[in-house]
All heavy atoms as atom14 arrays in JSON, in Angstrom:
{
  "sequence": "LVVPKEMGFQTYFHDQEKNDVAALQSFLQKQG",
  "atom14_mask": [
    [1, 1, 1, 1, 1, 1, 1, 1, 0, 0, 0, 0, 0, 0],
    [1, 1, 1, 1, 1, 1, 1, 0, 0, 0, 0, 0, 0, 0],
    [1, 1, 1, 1, 1, 1, 1, 0, 0, 0, 0, 0, 0, 0],
    [1, 1, 1, 1, 1, 1, 1, 0, 0, 0, 0, 0, 0, 0],
    [1, 1, 1, 1, 1, 1, 1, 1, 1, 0, 0, 0, 0, 0],
    [1, 1, 1, 1, 1, 1, 1, 1, 1, 0, 0, 0, 0, 0],
    [1, 1, 1, 1, 1, 1, 1, 1, 0, 0, 0, 0, 0, 0],
    [1, 1, 1, 1, 0, 0, 0, 0, 0, 0, 0, 0, 0, 0],
    [1, 1, 1, 1, 1, 1, 1, 1, 1, 1, 1, 0, 0, 0],
    [1, 1, 1, 1, 1, 1, 1, 1, 1, 0, 0, 0, 0, 0],
    [1, 1, 1, 1, 1, 1, 1, 0, 0, 0, 0, 0, 0, 0],
    [1, 1, 1, 1, 1, 1, 1, 1, 1, 1, 1, 1, 0, 0],
    [1, 1, 1, 1, 1, 1, 1, 1, 1, 1, 1, 0, 0, 0],
    [1, 1, 1, 1, 1, 1, 1, 1, 1, 1, 0, 0, 0, 0],
    [1, 1, 1, 1, 1, 1, 1, 1, 0, 0, 0, 0, 0, 0],
    [1, 1, 1, 1, 1, 1, 1, 1, 1, 0, 0, 0, 0, 0],
    [1, 1, 1, 1, 1, 1, 1, 1, 1, 0, 0, 0, 0, 0],
    [1, 1, 1, 1, 1, 1, 1, 1, 1, 0, 0, 0, 0, 0],
    [1, 1, 1, 1, 1, 1, 1, 1, 0, 0, 0, 0, 0, 0],
    [1, 1, 1, 1, 1, 1, 1, 1, 0, 0, 0, 0, 0, 0],
    [1, 1, 1, 1, 1, 1, 1, 0, 0, 0, 0, 0, 0, 0],
    [1, 1, 1, 1, 1, 0, 0, 0, 0, 0, 0, 0, 0, 0],
    [1, 1, 1, 1, 1, 0, 0, 0, 0, 0, 0, 0, 0, 0],
    [1, 1, 1, 1, 1, 1, 1, 1, 0, 0, 0, 0, 0, 0],
    [1, 1, 1, 1, 1, 1, 1, 1, 1, 0, 0, 0, 0, 0],
    [1, 1, 1, 1, 1, 1, 0, 0, 0, 0, 0, 0, 0, 0],
    [1, 1, 1, 1, 1, 1, 1, 1, 1, 1, 1, 0, 0, 0],
    [1, 1, 1, 1, 1, 1, 1, 1, 0, 0, 0, 0, 0, 0],
    [1, 1, 1, 1, 1, 1, 1, 1, 1, 0, 0, 0, 0, 0],
    [1, 1, 1, 1, 1, 1, 1, 1, 1, 0, 0, 0, 0, 0],
    [1, 1, 1, 1, 1, 1, 1, 1, 1, 0, 0, 0, 0, 0],
    [1, 1, 1, 1, 0, 0, 0, 0, 0, 0, 0, 0, 0, 0]
  ],
  "atom14_positions": [
    [[83.6, 168.36, 106.04], [82.95, 169.67, 106.03], [83.82, 170.75, 105.43], [83.29, 171.9, 105.12], [82.53, 170.01, 107.49], [81.66, 169.08, 108.26], [81.53, 169.53, 109.68], [80.35, 168.92, 107.51], [0.0, 0.0, 0.0], [0.0, 0.0, 0.0], [0.0, 0.0, 0.0], [0.0, 0.0, 0.0], [0.0, 0.0, 0.0], [0.0, 0.0, 0.0]],
    [[85.08, 170.49, 105.19], [86.03, 171.56, 104.68], [85.58, 172.08, 103.38], [85.41, 173.35, 103.18], [87.46, 171.0, 104.68], [88.44, 172.01, 104.11], [87.91, 170.62, 106.09], [0.0, 0.0, 0.0], [0.0, 0.0, 0.0], [0.0, 0.0, 0.0], [0.0, 0.0, 0.0], [0.0, 0.0, 0.0], [0.0, 0.0, 0.0], [0.0, 0.0, 0.0]],
    [[85.49, 171.25, 102.42], [85.23, 171.74, 101.02], [83.85, 172.42, 100.9], [83.79, 173.51, 100.39], [85.34, 170.52, 99.99], [84.84, 170.91, 98.65], [86.8, 170.1, 99.84], [0.0, 0.0, 0.0], [0.0, 0.0, 0.0], [0.0, 0.0, 0.0], [0.0, 0.0, 0.0], [0.0, 0.0, 0.0], [0.0, 0.0, 0.0], [0.0, 0.0, 0.0]],
    [[82.78, 171.78, 101.45], [81.5, 172.56, 101.33], [81.53, 173.9, 102.06], [80.96, 174.86, 101.58], [80.51, 171.61, 101.96], [81.21, 170.55, 102.63], [82.57, 170.49, 101.95], [0.0, 0.0, 0.0], [0.0, 0.0, 0.0], [0.0, 0.0, 0.0], [0.0, 0.0, 0.0], [0.0, 0.0, 0.0], [0.0, 0.0, 0.0], [0.0, 0.0, 0.0]],
    [[82.22, 173.97, 103.16], [82.29, 175.3, 103.88], [83.03, 176.25, 103.01], [82.63, 177.47, 102.9], [83.05, 175.05, 105.23], [83.04, 176.35, 106.1], [83.6, 176.11, 107.43], [83.0, 176.96, 108.44], [82.36, 176.34, 109.53], [0.0, 0.0, 0.0], [0.0, 0.0, 0.0], [0.0, 0.0, 0.0], [0.0, 0.0, 0.0], [0.0, 0.0, 0.0]],
    [[84.11, 175.84, 102.33], [84.85, 176.77, 101.48], [83.92, 177.2, 100.3], [84.11, 178.32, 99.74], [86.09, 176.06, 100.83], [87.21, 175.85, 101.89], [88.34, 174.94, 101.31], [88.14, 174.38, 100.17], [89.36, 174.84, 102.01], [0.0, 0.0, 0.0], [0.0, 0.0, 0.0], [0.0, 0.0, 0.0], [0.0, 0.0, 0.0], [0.0, 0.0, 0.0]],
    [[83.02, 176.36, 99.87], [82.15, 176.64, 98.78], [80.94, 177.62, 99.22], [80.22, 178.12, 98.38], [81.53, 175.37, 98.24], [82.59, 174.51, 97.52], [81.89, 172.96, 96.88], [80.8, 173.49, 95.58], [0.0, 0.0, 0.0], [0.0, 0.0, 0.0], [0.0, 0.0, 0.0], [0.0, 0.0, 0.0], [0.0, 0.0, 0.0], [0.0, 0.0, 0.0]],
    [[80.78, 177.8, 100.52], [79.74, 178.64, 100.93], [78.55, 178.01, 101.66], [77.61, 178.66, 102.04], [0.0, 0.0, 0.0], [0.0, 0.0, 0.0], [0.0, 0.0, 0.0], [0.0, 0.0, 0.0], [0.0, 0.0, 0.0], [0.0, 0.0, 0.0], [0.0, 0.0, 0.0], [0.0, 0.0, 0.0], [0.0, 0.0, 0.0], [0.0, 0.0, 0.0]],
    [[78.6, 176.68, 101.81], [77.57, 175.93, 102.55], [77.59, 176.33, 103.98], [78.73, 176.55, 104.53], [77.76, 174.43, 102.5], [77.51, 173.77, 101.18], [78.27, 173.84, 100.07], [76.31, 172.98, 101.07], [78.09, 173.13, 98.89], [76.04, 172.22, 99.97], [76.88, 172.36, 98.82], [0.0, 0.0, 0.0], [0.0, 0.0, 0.0], [0.0, 0.0, 0.0]],
    [[76.52, 176.3, 104.74], [76.46, 176.2, 106.17], [76.83, 174.74, 106.38], [76.31, 173.87, 105.73], [75.13, 176.51, 106.7], [74.77, 177.95, 106.68], [75.65, 178.8, 107.68], [75.96, 178.34, 108.65], [76.02, 179.96, 107.19], [0.0, 0.0, 0.0], [0.0, 0.0, 0.0], [0.0, 0.0, 0.0], [0.0, 0.0, 0.0], [0.0, 0.0, 0.0]],
    [[77.6, 174.42, 107.43], [77.94, 172.99, 107.74], [77.66, 172.69, 109.15], [77.55, 173.54, 110.02], [79.41, 172.77, 107.41], [80.3, 173.6, 108.24], [79.79, 172.96, 105.97], [0.0, 0.0, 0.0], [0.0, 0.0, 0.0], [0.0, 0.0, 0.0], [0.0, 0.0, 0.0], [0.0, 0.0, 0.0], [0.0, 0.0, 0.0], [0.0, 0.0, 0.0]],
    [[77.44, 171.44, 109.33], [77.09, 170.94, 110.72], [77.68, 169.54, 110.86], [77.45, 168.64, 110.01], [75.58, 170.86, 110.89], [75.15, 170.4, 112.23], [75.05, 171.29, 113.27], [74.9, 168.97, 112.54], [74.66, 170.88, 114.54], [74.58, 168.6, 113.8], [74.41, 169.52, 114.8], [74.01, 169.09, 116.03], [0.0, 0.0, 0.0], [0.0, 0.0, 0.0]],
    [[78.44, 169.33, 111.98], [79.01, 168.0, 112.27], [78.01, 167.34, 113.17], [77.65, 167.69, 114.19], [80.41, 168.23, 112.98], [80.83, 166.87, 113.59], [81.25, 165.83, 112.74], [80.92, 166.71, 114.98], [81.64, 164.6, 113.31], [81.36, 165.51, 115.45], [81.72, 164.42, 114.66], [0.0, 0.0, 0.0], [0.0, 0.0, 0.0], [0.0, 0.0, 0.0]],
    [[77.54, 166.15, 112.6], [76.6, 165.35, 113.4], [77.39, 164.04, 113.88], [77.73, 163.25, 113.06], [75.48, 164.89, 112.46], [74.44, 164.02, 113.26], [73.6, 164.54, 114.18], [74.18, 162.62, 113.17], [72.89, 163.61, 114.68], [73.25, 162.46, 114.11], [0.0, 0.0, 0.0], [0.0, 0.0, 0.0], [0.0, 0.0, 0.0], [0.0, 0.0, 0.0]],
    [[77.64, 164.04, 115.19], [78.34, 162.91, 115.78], [77.43, 161.68, 115.76], [76.42, 161.61, 116.39], [78.68, 163.21, 117.21], [79.51, 162.15, 117.87], [79.38, 160.98, 117.52], [80.45, 162.5, 118.76], [0.0, 0.0, 0.0], [0.0, 0.0, 0.0], [0.0, 0.0, 0.0], [0.0, 0.0, 0.0], [0.0, 0.0, 0.0], [0.0, 0.0, 0.0]],
    [[77.71, 160.7, 114.86], [76.99, 159.51, 114.62], [76.76, 158.72, 115.93], [75.75, 158.09, 116.13], [77.54, 158.73, 113.49], [76.64, 157.63, 112.98], [77.25, 157.05, 111.7], [78.03, 157.72, 111.01], [76.88, 155.82, 111.42], [0.0, 0.0, 0.0], [0.0, 0.0, 0.0], [0.0, 0.0, 0.0], [0.0, 0.0, 0.0], [0.0, 0.0, 0.0]],
    [[77.8, 158.67, 116.74], [77.73, 157.85, 117.98], [76.75, 158.46, 118.98], [75.97, 157.74, 119.55], [79.14, 157.76, 118.57], [80.16, 157.1, 117.67], [79.72, 155.6, 117.31], [79.21, 154.85, 118.19], [79.89, 155.32, 116.1], [0.0, 0.0, 0.0], [0.0, 0.0, 0.0], [0.0, 0.0, 0.0], [0.0, 0.0, 0.0], [0.0, 0.0, 0.0]],
    [[76.72, 159.8, 119.13], [75.8, 160.39, 120.0], [74.42, 160.5, 119.43], [73.47, 160.4, 120.09], [76.29, 161.9, 120.33], [77.51, 161.92, 121.2], [77.91, 163.29, 121.5], [79.22, 163.4, 122.24], [79.66, 164.77, 122.47], [0.0, 0.0, 0.0], [0.0, 0.0, 0.0], [0.0, 0.0, 0.0], [0.0, 0.0, 0.0], [0.0, 0.0, 0.0]],
    [[74.32, 160.63, 118.13], [73.12, 160.74, 117.36], [72.14, 161.76, 117.99], [70.98, 161.45, 118.18], [72.46, 159.36, 117.08], [71.41, 159.38, 116.06], [71.59, 160.12, 115.06], [70.38, 158.65, 116.25], [0.0, 0.0, 0.0], [0.0, 0.0, 0.0], [0.0, 0.0, 0.0], [0.0, 0.0, 0.0], [0.0, 0.0, 0.0], [0.0, 0.0, 0.0]],
    [[72.68, 162.88, 118.33], [71.81, 163.94, 118.99], [71.01, 164.65, 117.91], [71.35, 165.77, 117.46], [72.77, 164.91, 119.75], [71.98, 165.84, 120.61], [70.7, 165.94, 120.46], [72.56, 166.54, 121.49], [0.0, 0.0, 0.0], [0.0, 0.0, 0.0], [0.0, 0.0, 0.0], [0.0, 0.0, 0.0], [0.0, 0.0, 0.0], [0.0, 0.0, 0.0]],
    [[69.91, 164.03, 117.54], [69.03, 164.58, 116.56], [68.37, 165.92, 117.03], [68.15, 166.81, 116.22], [68.0, 163.51, 116.06], [66.96, 164.13, 115.01], [68.75, 162.29, 115.49], [0.0, 0.0, 0.0], [0.0, 0.0, 0.0], [0.0, 0.0, 0.0], [0.0, 0.0, 0.0], [0.0, 0.0, 0.0], [0.0, 0.0, 0.0], [0.0, 0.0, 0.0]],
    [[68.12, 166.0, 118.27], [67.52, 167.17, 118.82], [68.45, 168.34, 118.61], [68.01, 169.45, 118.33], [67.15, 167.05, 120.33], [0.0, 0.0, 0.0], [0.0, 0.0, 0.0], [0.0, 0.0, 0.0], [0.0, 0.0, 0.0], [0.0, 0.0, 0.0], [0.0, 0.0, 0.0], [0.0, 0.0, 0.0], [0.0, 0.0, 0.0], [0.0, 0.0, 0.0]],
    [[69.75, 168.18, 118.85], [70.7, 169.26, 118.6], [70.72, 169.66, 117.07], [70.85, 170.82, 116.74], [72.09, 168.81, 119.08], [0.0, 0.0, 0.0], [0.0, 0.0, 0.0], [0.0, 0.0, 0.0], [0.0, 0.0, 0.0], [0.0, 0.0, 0.0], [0.0, 0.0, 0.0], [0.0, 0.0, 0.0], [0.0, 0.0, 0.0], [0.0, 0.0, 0.0]],
    [[70.75, 168.64, 116.22], [70.6, 168.99, 114.76], [69.3, 169.73, 114.5], [69.36, 170.68, 113.73], [70.7, 167.67, 113.97], [70.54, 167.76, 112.45], [71.47, 168.81, 111.8], [70.62, 166.45, 111.8], [0.0, 0.0, 0.0], [0.0, 0.0, 0.0], [0.0, 0.0, 0.0], [0.0, 0.0, 0.0], [0.0, 0.0, 0.0], [0.0, 0.0, 0.0]],
    [[68.24, 169.32, 115.07], [66.98, 170.01, 114.86], [67.03, 171.46, 115.28], [66.62, 172.36, 114.62], [65.82, 169.29, 115.57], [64.49, 169.85, 115.23], [63.36, 169.0, 115.8], [63.58, 167.93, 116.38], [62.11, 169.34, 115.52], [0.0, 0.0, 0.0], [0.0, 0.0, 0.0], [0.0, 0.0, 0.0], [0.0, 0.0, 0.0], [0.0, 0.0, 0.0]],
    [[67.64, 171.69, 116.4], [67.9, 173.0, 116.94], [68.8, 173.86, 116.01], [68.45, 175.08, 115.76], [68.53, 172.9, 118.34], [68.84, 174.22, 118.87], [0.0, 0.0, 0.0], [0.0, 0.0, 0.0], [0.0, 0.0, 0.0], [0.0, 0.0, 0.0], [0.0, 0.0, 0.0], [0.0, 0.0, 0.0], [0.0, 0.0, 0.0], [0.0, 0.0, 0.0]],
    [[69.77, 173.3, 115.46], [70.63, 173.97, 114.53], [69.87, 174.39, 113.24], [69.89, 175.5, 112.84], [71.77, 172.99, 114.06], [72.56, 173.6, 112.92], [73.51, 174.58, 113.03], [72.33, 173.07, 111.61], [74.26, 175.04, 111.96], [73.02, 173.51, 110.53], [74.01, 174.53, 110.68], [0.0, 0.0, 0.0], [0.0, 0.0, 0.0], [0.0, 0.0, 0.0]],
    [[68.99, 173.5, 112.79], [68.15, 173.73, 111.61], [67.15, 174.82, 111.9], [66.86, 175.69, 111.07], [67.42, 172.49, 111.1], [68.38, 171.39, 110.53], [67.63, 170.13, 110.27], [69.06, 171.94, 109.28], [0.0, 0.0, 0.0], [0.0, 0.0, 0.0], [0.0, 0.0, 0.0], [0.0, 0.0, 0.0], [0.0, 0.0, 0.0], [0.0, 0.0, 0.0]],
    [[66.61, 174.85, 113.11], [65.69, 175.9, 113.59], [66.39, 177.25, 113.47], [65.86, 178.26, 113.05], [65.05, 175.65, 114.86], [64.1, 174.47, 114.83], [63.61, 173.97, 116.21], [64.44, 174.05, 117.18], [62.48, 173.36, 116.26], [0.0, 0.0, 0.0], [0.0, 0.0, 0.0], [0.0, 0.0, 0.0], [0.0, 0.0, 0.0], [0.0, 0.0, 0.0]],
    [[67.6, 177.29, 114.03], [68.37, 178.55, 114.08], [68.75, 179.09, 112.64], [68.9, 180.23, 112.45], [69.67, 178.36, 114.89], [69.46, 178.22, 116.31], [70.68, 178.0, 117.12], [70.36, 177.71, 118.59], [71.5, 177.14, 119.26], [0.0, 0.0, 0.0], [0.0, 0.0, 0.0], [0.0, 0.0, 0.0], [0.0, 0.0, 0.0], [0.0, 0.0, 0.0]],
    [[68.79, 178.06, 111.68], [69.03, 178.41, 110.31], [67.74, 178.87, 109.56], [67.74, 179.21, 108.4], [69.67, 177.32, 109.57], [71.02, 176.84, 110.17], [72.07, 177.92, 110.23], [72.27, 178.69, 109.22], [72.65, 178.04, 111.35], [0.0, 0.0, 0.0], [0.0, 0.0, 0.0], [0.0, 0.0, 0.0], [0.0, 0.0, 0.0], [0.0, 0.0, 0.0]],
    [[66.64, 178.8, 110.3], [65.38, 179.1, 109.72], [64.7, 177.99, 108.83], [63.71, 178.28, 108.11], [0.0, 0.0, 0.0], [0.0, 0.0, 0.0], [0.0, 0.0, 0.0], [0.0, 0.0, 0.0], [0.0, 0.0, 0.0], [0.0, 0.0, 0.0], [0.0, 0.0, 0.0], [0.0, 0.0, 0.0], [0.0, 0.0, 0.0], [0.0, 0.0, 0.0]]
  ]
}
């Protein structure tokens, strides 16, 4: 996530083991 964040991307760490897709969906909703 370091390089894209430096470039101006919004970034999100998705823990593959937890696979909390609902949390990712919530993040995307907050981003519009």
